[in-house]
Amino acid sequence: MERNWLSWVTLILVVIGALNWALVGISSFSAVSYGWDVVALILGSVPWLAAIIYILIGIAGIYELVMAIKNR
């Protein structure tokens, strides 16, 4: 399957989301919670923008899931 620009953007967003959740999970195992949330760290002063990024990552995940099912 050849990817178009939308597929590349959604793939990048899904990878960013996966890495972000990995950091959140890793930080939860330590005795001191580091609160590693890259999106919140970068956009902490603009919570509504961070919320939009989270929504876009969720939509990207749904898109990738639908495309995976469609192309199986």
C-alpha atoms as a PDB file:
ATOM      1  CA  MET A   1       0.000   0.000   0.000  1.00  0.00           C
ATOM      2  CA  GLU A   2       1.380   3.369  -0.952  1.00  0.00           C
ATOM      3  CA  ARG A   3       0.777   6.150   1.557  1.00  0.00           C
ATOM      4  CA  ASN A   4      -0.627   9.541   0.639  1.00  0.00           C
ATOM      5  CA  TRP A   5       0.046  12.704   2.632  1.00  0.00           C
ATOM      6  CA  LEU A   6      -2.862  12.077   5.007  1.00  0.00           C
ATOM      7  CA  SER A   7      -1.617   8.581   5.778  1.00  0.00           C
ATOM      8  CA  TRP A   8       1.853   9.929   6.573  1.00  0.00           C
ATOM      9  CA  VAL A   9       0.472  12.643   8.851  1.00  0.00           C
ATOM     10  CA  THR A  10      -1.741  10.187  10.725  1.00  0.00           C
ATOM     11  CA  LEU A  11       1.118   7.696  11.050  1.00  0.00           C
ATOM     12  CA  ILE A  12       3.368  10.391  12.541  1.00  0.00           C
ATOM     13  CA  LEU A  13       0.621  11.443  14.981  1.00  0.00           C
ATOM     14  CA  VAL A  14       0.028   7.830  16.034  1.00  0.00           C
ATOM     15  CA  VAL A  15       3.760   7.321  16.647  1.00  0.00           C
ATOM     16  CA  ILE A  16       3.931  10.540  18.687  1.00  0.00           C
ATOM     17  CA  GLY A  17       0.925   9.361  20.714  1.00  0.00           C
ATOM     18  CA  ALA A  18       2.439   5.926  21.264  1.00  0.00           C
ATOM     19  CA  LEU A  19       5.761   7.370  22.423  1.00  0.00           C
ATOM     20  CA  ASN A  20       3.937   9.806  24.695  1.00  0.00           C
ATOM     21  CA  TRP A  21       1.954   6.993  26.322  1.00  0.00           C
ATOM     22  CA  ALA A  22       5.132   4.927  26.698  1.00  0.00           C
ATOM     23  CA  LEU A  23       6.742   7.801  28.618  1.00  0.00           C
ATOM     24  CA  VAL A  24       3.638   8.212  30.786  1.00  0.00           C
ATOM     25  CA  GLY A  25       3.711   4.479  31.554  1.00  0.00           C
ATOM     26  CA  ILE A  26       7.435   4.443  32.316  1.00  0.00           C
ATOM     27  CA  SER A  27       7.123   7.422  34.645  1.00  0.00           C
ATOM     28  CA  SER A  28       4.298   5.721  36.555  1.00  0.00           C
ATOM     29  CA  PHE A  29       6.616   2.851  37.594  1.00  0.00           C
ATOM     30  CA  SER A  30       9.051   5.081  39.456  1.00  0.00           C
ATOM     31  CA  ALA A  31       8.699   6.010  43.108  1.00  0.00           C
ATOM     32  CA  VAL A  32       8.708   9.662  42.110  1.00  0.00           C
ATOM     33  CA  SER A  33       6.253  10.482  39.370  1.00  0.00           C
ATOM     34  CA  TYR A  34       8.024  12.540  36.731  1.00  0.00           C
ATOM     35  CA  GLY A  35       4.814  13.294  34.856  1.00  0.00           C
ATOM     36  CA  TRP A  36       6.448  12.680  31.494  1.00  0.00           C
ATOM     37  CA  ASP A  37       3.790  13.821  29.092  1.00  0.00           C
ATOM     38  CA  VAL A  38       5.529  15.325  26.090  1.00  0.00           C
ATOM     39  CA  VAL A  39       2.458  17.047  24.668  1.00  0.00           C
ATOM     40  CA  ALA A  40       1.581  18.631  28.015  1.00  0.00           C
ATOM     41  CA  LEU A  41       5.235  19.521  28.584  1.00  0.00           C
ATOM     42  CA  ILE A  42       5.505  21.342  25.253  1.00  0.00           C
ATOM     43  CA  LEU A  43       2.045  22.909  25.326  1.00  0.00           C
ATOM     44  CA  GLY A  44       1.525  23.126  29.086  1.00  0.00           C
ATOM     45  CA  SER A  45       0.805  26.836  29.062  1.00  0.00           C
ATOM     46  CA  VAL A  46      -1.856  26.409  26.359  1.00  0.00           C
ATOM     47  CA  PRO A  47      -4.127  23.591  27.609  1.00  0.00           C
ATOM     48  CA  TRP A  48      -6.739  24.033  24.868  1.00  0.00           C
ATOM     49  CA  LEU A  49      -4.044  23.513  22.209  1.00  0.00           C
ATOM     50  CA  ALA A  50      -2.827  20.368  23.981  1.00  0.00           C
ATOM     51  CA  ALA A  51      -6.435  19.122  23.997  1.00  0.00           C
ATOM     52  CA  ILE A  52      -6.659  19.694  20.239  1.00  0.00           C
ATOM     53  CA  ILE A  53      -3.415  17.736  19.728  1.00  0.00           C
ATOM     54  CA  TYR A  54      -4.792  14.856  21.812  1.00  0.00           C
ATOM     55  CA  ILE A  55      -7.998  14.873  19.750  1.00  0.00           C
ATOM     56  CA  LEU A  56      -6.003  14.856  16.492  1.00  0.00           C
ATOM     57  CA  ILE A  57      -3.907  11.939  17.745  1.00  0.00           C
ATOM     58  CA  GLY A  58      -7.110  10.041  18.602  1.00  0.00           C
ATOM     59  CA  ILE A  59      -8.602  10.726  15.170  1.00  0.00           C
ATOM     60  CA  ALA A  60      -5.328   9.647  13.566  1.00  0.00           C
ATOM     61  CA  GLY A  61      -5.465   6.378  15.500  1.00  0.00           C
ATOM     62  CA  ILE A  62      -9.015   5.718  14.321  1.00  0.00           C
ATOM     63  CA  TYR A  63      -8.009   6.516  10.727  1.00  0.00           C
ATOM     64  CA  GLU A  64      -5.042   4.139  10.897  1.00  0.00           C
ATOM     65  CA  LEU A  65      -7.252   1.407  12.388  1.00  0.00           C
ATOM     66  CA  VAL A  66      -9.852   1.800   9.641  1.00  0.00           C
ATOM     67  CA  MET A  67      -7.162   1.747   6.940  1.00  0.00           C
ATOM     68  CA  ALA A  68      -5.562  -1.371   8.471  1.00  0.00           C
ATOM     69  CA  ILE A  69      -8.908  -3.176   8.477  1.00  0.00           C
ATOM     70  CA  LYS A  70      -9.711  -1.982   4.965  1.00  0.00           C
ATOM     71  CA  ASN A  71      -6.359  -3.094   3.553  1.00  0.00           C
ATOM     72  CA  ARG A  72      -6.009  -6.455   5.289  1.00  0.00           C
END
